Amino acid sequence: MELVSHLIKVSVPNYLAGLPIPDSIGGWFRLGVRDWAALIPPTALLAGFSYMTYRAFCPHGRPPPSKSINSKIQKHSNKVVDTIDVEDITEKAVFCRCWKSENWPYCDGSHGTHNKENCDNVGPLVVTKKK
């Protein structure tokens, strides 16, 4: 903890105090090559922090969310509705909830790829018949 305290109270302020930041606008034009080189690391750090903040909090910095969840199942219909008779289920049925299955409405494990690509955690709906 003493190391962190020293870093925050002594090292960082001493580093910032030693930077060649002029007092006037004209002073920027009188800086030498070494002075400009000394300003590169804190400028890069500030730019990186600003960019990460922008990406995290500004709506224009984030990728837009997908408008449609269903990308391929019965796209000609206004609403996708499937009916399965419970009597047709022999022991267990596994239904897709990610809309990516090639065997719709049954799950074929496509949610695994979907979850990796989208950092999601969707899984199937499992219906079992009581014995």
C-alpha atoms as a PDB file:
ATOM      1  CA  MET A   1       0.000   0.000   0.000  1.00  0.00           C
ATOM      2  CA  GLU A   2       2.938   2.274   0.686  1.00  0.00           C
ATOM      3  CA  LEU A   3       4.086   1.850  -2.915  1.00  0.00           C
ATOM      4  CA  VAL A   4       0.714   3.018  -4.262  1.00  0.00           C
ATOM      5  CA  SER A   5       0.657   5.929  -1.833  1.00  0.00           C
ATOM      6  CA  HIS A   6       4.150   7.009  -2.900  1.00  0.00           C
ATOM      7  CA  LEU A   7       3.203   6.684  -6.559  1.00  0.00           C
ATOM      8  CA  ILE A   8       0.098   8.875  -6.172  1.00  0.00           C
ATOM      9  CA  LYS A   9       1.499  11.442  -3.722  1.00  0.00           C
ATOM     10  CA  VAL A  10       5.082  11.821  -4.925  1.00  0.00           C
ATOM     11  CA  SER A  11       6.023  10.159  -8.223  1.00  0.00           C
ATOM     12  CA  VAL A  12       3.124  11.254 -10.439  1.00  0.00           C
ATOM     13  CA  PRO A  13       3.092  14.901  -9.205  1.00  0.00           C
ATOM     14  CA  ASN A  14       6.893  15.138  -9.631  1.00  0.00           C
ATOM     15  CA  TYR A  15       6.615  13.701 -13.158  1.00  0.00           C
ATOM     16  CA  LEU A  16       3.828  16.116 -14.100  1.00  0.00           C
ATOM     17  CA  ALA A  17       5.685  19.088 -12.544  1.00  0.00           C
ATOM     18  CA  GLY A  18       8.724  18.240 -14.652  1.00  0.00           C
ATOM     19  CA  LEU A  19       6.834  18.322 -17.949  1.00  0.00           C
ATOM     20  CA  PRO A  20       7.662  21.301 -20.180  1.00  0.00           C
ATOM     21  CA  ILE A  21       4.183  22.831 -20.320  1.00  0.00           C
ATOM     22  CA  PRO A  22       4.439  26.526 -21.270  1.00  0.00           C
ATOM     23  CA  ASP A  23       2.498  29.301 -19.545  1.00  0.00           C
ATOM     24  CA  SER A  24       1.382  30.988 -22.757  1.00  0.00           C
ATOM     25  CA  ILE A  25       0.331  30.077 -26.284  1.00  0.00           C
ATOM     26  CA  GLY A  26       3.551  31.527 -27.664  1.00  0.00           C
ATOM     27  CA  GLY A  27       5.520  29.207 -25.367  1.00  0.00           C
ATOM     28  CA  TRP A  28       4.343  26.195 -27.344  1.00  0.00           C
ATOM     29  CA  PHE A  29       6.220  27.523 -30.373  1.00  0.00           C
ATOM     30  CA  ARG A  30       9.456  27.859 -28.397  1.00  0.00           C
ATOM     31  CA  LEU A  31       9.521  24.207 -27.257  1.00  0.00           C
ATOM     32  CA  GLY A  32      12.461  22.142 -28.484  1.00  0.00           C
ATOM     33  CA  VAL A  33      12.496  18.590 -29.854  1.00  0.00           C
ATOM     34  CA  ARG A  34      13.295  17.116 -26.425  1.00  0.00           C
ATOM     35  CA  ASP A  35      10.404  19.042 -24.879  1.00  0.00           C
ATOM     36  CA  TRP A  36       7.963  17.710 -27.491  1.00  0.00           C
ATOM     37  CA  ALA A  37       9.317  14.169 -27.008  1.00  0.00           C
ATOM     38  CA  ALA A  38       8.740  14.472 -23.245  1.00  0.00           C
ATOM     39  CA  LEU A  39       5.097  15.380 -23.893  1.00  0.00           C
ATOM     40  CA  ILE A  40       4.389  12.278 -26.049  1.00  0.00           C
ATOM     41  CA  PRO A  41       3.830   9.674 -23.247  1.00  0.00           C
ATOM     42  CA  PRO A  42       1.325  11.692 -21.167  1.00  0.00           C
ATOM     43  CA  THR A  43      -0.454  12.825 -24.342  1.00  0.00           C
ATOM     44  CA  ALA A  44      -0.746   9.219 -25.558  1.00  0.00           C
ATOM     45  CA  LEU A  45      -2.030   8.113 -22.143  1.00  0.00           C
ATOM     46  CA  LEU A  46      -4.605  10.907 -22.078  1.00  0.00           C
ATOM     47  CA  ALA A  47      -5.709  10.154 -25.661  1.00  0.00           C
ATOM     48  CA  GLY A  48      -6.062   6.427 -24.879  1.00  0.00           C
ATOM     49  CA  PHE A  49      -8.060   7.117 -21.718  1.00  0.00           C
ATOM     50  CA  SER A  50     -10.299   9.566 -23.579  1.00  0.00           C
ATOM     51  CA  TYR A  51     -10.898   7.081 -26.390  1.00  0.00           C
ATOM     52  CA  MET A  52     -11.764   4.237 -23.994  1.00  0.00           C
ATOM     53  CA  THR A  53     -14.152   6.534 -22.103  1.00  0.00           C
ATOM     54  CA  TYR A  54     -15.785   7.554 -25.367  1.00  0.00           C
ATOM     55  CA  ARG A  55     -16.203   3.906 -26.429  1.00  0.00           C
ATOM     56  CA  ALA A  56     -17.662   2.948 -23.053  1.00  0.00           C
ATOM     57  CA  PHE A  57     -20.109   5.786 -22.424  1.00  0.00           C
ATOM     58  CA  CYS A  58     -21.016   7.512 -25.696  1.00  0.00           C
ATOM     59  CA  PRO A  59     -23.728   5.900 -27.835  1.00  0.00           C
ATOM     60  CA  HIS A  60     -21.841   6.728 -31.035  1.00  0.00           C
ATOM     61  CA  GLY A  61     -18.771   4.925 -29.699  1.00  0.00           C
ATOM     62  CA  ARG A  62     -20.510   1.576 -29.285  1.00  0.00           C
ATOM     63  CA  PRO A  63     -21.443  -0.703 -32.144  1.00  0.00           C
ATOM     64  CA  PRO A  64     -25.182  -0.530 -32.832  1.00  0.00           C
ATOM     65  CA  PRO A  65     -27.263  -3.383 -31.465  1.00  0.00           C
ATOM     66  CA  SER A  66     -28.716  -5.779 -33.984  1.00  0.00           C
ATOM     67  CA  LYS A  67     -32.215  -4.714 -34.960  1.00  0.00           C
ATOM     68  CA  SER A  68     -33.497  -8.223 -35.611  1.00  0.00           C
ATOM     69  CA  ILE A  69     -32.985 -11.311 -33.475  1.00  0.00           C
ATOM     70  CA  ASN A  70     -34.400 -13.674 -36.067  1.00  0.00           C
ATOM     71  CA  SER A  71     -32.098 -13.615 -39.087  1.00  0.00           C
ATOM     72  CA  LYS A  72     -33.493 -16.530 -41.133  1.00  0.00           C
ATOM     73  CA  ILE A  73     -36.541 -18.381 -39.726  1.00  0.00           C
ATOM     74  CA  GLN A  74     -39.803 -17.798 -41.656  1.00  0.00           C
ATOM     75  CA  LYS A  75     -38.867 -14.252 -42.673  1.00  0.00           C
ATOM     76  CA  HIS A  76     -41.935 -14.060 -44.940  1.00  0.00           C
ATOM     77  CA  SER A  77     -44.250 -14.216 -41.880  1.00  0.00           C
ATOM     78  CA  ASN A  78     -45.236 -11.236 -39.743  1.00  0.00           C
ATOM     79  CA  LYS A  79     -44.935 -13.409 -36.638  1.00  0.00           C
ATOM     80  CA  VAL A  80     -43.272 -16.798 -36.213  1.00  0.00           C
ATOM     81  CA  VAL A  81     -45.518 -19.169 -34.279  1.00  0.00           C
ATOM     82  CA  ASP A  82     -44.974 -22.915 -33.937  1.00  0.00           C
ATOM     83  CA  THR A  83     -47.278 -25.368 -32.200  1.00  0.00           C
ATOM     84  CA  ILE A  84     -46.080 -28.686 -30.872  1.00  0.00           C
ATOM     85  CA  ASP A  85     -48.470 -31.104 -29.226  1.00  0.00           C
ATOM     86  CA  VAL A  86     -47.192 -32.276 -25.858  1.00  0.00           C
ATOM     87  CA  GLU A  87     -48.477 -35.744 -26.692  1.00  0.00           C
ATOM     88  CA  ASP A  88     -45.950 -35.892 -29.560  1.00  0.00           C
ATOM     89  CA  ILE A  89     -43.042 -35.541 -27.135  1.00  0.00           C
ATOM     90  CA  THR A  90     -41.832 -39.021 -26.282  1.00  0.00           C
ATOM     91  CA  GLU A  91     -39.405 -38.333 -23.463  1.00  0.00           C
ATOM     92  CA  LYS A  92     -37.671 -35.009 -23.996  1.00  0.00           C
ATOM     93  CA  ALA A  93     -37.688 -32.181 -26.578  1.00  0.00           C
ATOM     94  CA  VAL A  94     -35.068 -29.440 -26.860  1.00  0.00           C
ATOM     95  CA  PHE A  95     -36.254 -26.197 -28.477  1.00  0.00           C
ATOM     96  CA  CYS A  96     -34.133 -23.397 -29.922  1.00  0.00           C
ATOM     97  CA  ARG A  97     -34.231 -19.946 -28.293  1.00  0.00           C
ATOM     98  CA  CYS A  98     -31.384 -18.275 -30.211  1.00  0.00           C
ATOM     99  CA  TRP A  99     -33.073 -18.310 -33.654  1.00  0.00           C
ATOM    100  CA  LYS A 100     -29.929 -19.756 -35.258  1.00  0.00           C
ATOM    101  CA  SER A 101     -30.917 -23.444 -35.529  1.00  0.00           C
ATOM    102  CA  GLU A 102     -31.009 -25.107 -38.932  1.00  0.00           C
ATOM    103  CA  ASN A 103     -33.556 -27.550 -37.481  1.00  0.00           C
ATOM    104  CA  TRP A 104     -36.051 -24.933 -36.234  1.00  0.00           C
ATOM    105  CA  PRO A 105     -37.898 -25.116 -33.807  1.00  0.00           C
ATOM    106  CA  TYR A 106     -35.595 -27.780 -32.392  1.00  0.00           C
ATOM    107  CA  CYS A 107     -32.160 -26.906 -31.038  1.00  0.00           C
ATOM    108  CA  ASP A 108     -29.119 -28.081 -32.963  1.00  0.00           C
ATOM    109  CA  GLY A 109     -26.495 -26.422 -30.709  1.00  0.00           C
ATOM    110  CA  SER A 110     -26.150 -23.267 -32.814  1.00  0.00           C
ATOM    111  CA  HIS A 111     -26.424 -21.194 -29.642  1.00  0.00           C
ATOM    112  CA  GLY A 112     -22.818 -22.171 -28.818  1.00  0.00           C
ATOM    113  CA  THR A 113     -21.457 -20.258 -31.798  1.00  0.00           C
ATOM    114  CA  HIS A 114     -23.954 -17.447 -31.228  1.00  0.00           C
ATOM    115  CA  ASN A 115     -22.856 -17.121 -27.582  1.00  0.00           C
ATOM    116  CA  LYS A 116     -19.143 -16.934 -28.487  1.00  0.00           C
ATOM    117  CA  GLU A 117     -19.695 -14.341 -31.226  1.00  0.00           C
ATOM    118  CA  ASN A 118     -22.044 -12.125 -29.184  1.00  0.00           C
ATOM    119  CA  CYS A 119     -20.836 -12.690 -25.596  1.00  0.00           C
ATOM    120  CA  ASP A 120     -24.305 -14.057 -24.861  1.00  0.00           C
ATOM    121  CA  ASN A 121     -25.481 -16.920 -22.658  1.00  0.00           C
ATOM    122  CA  VAL A 122     -28.675 -18.089 -24.360  1.00  0.00           C
ATOM    123  CA  GLY A 123     -29.489 -21.782 -24.271  1.00  0.00           C
ATOM    124  CA  PRO A 124     -32.311 -24.079 -25.365  1.00  0.00           C
ATOM    125  CA  LEU A 125     -35.697 -24.703 -23.804  1.00  0.00           C
ATOM    126  CA  VAL A 126     -35.845 -28.325 -22.623  1.00  0.00           C
ATOM    127  CA  VAL A 127     -39.302 -29.885 -22.224  1.00  0.00           C
ATOM    128  CA  THR A 128     -39.527 -33.268 -20.529  1.00  0.00           C
ATOM    129  CA  LYS A 129     -42.514 -35.530 -20.163  1.00  0.00           C
ATOM    130  CA  LYS A 130     -43.292 -36.872 -16.710  1.00  0.00           C
ATOM    131  CA  LYS A 131     -43.432 -40.615 -16.488  1.00  0.00           C
END
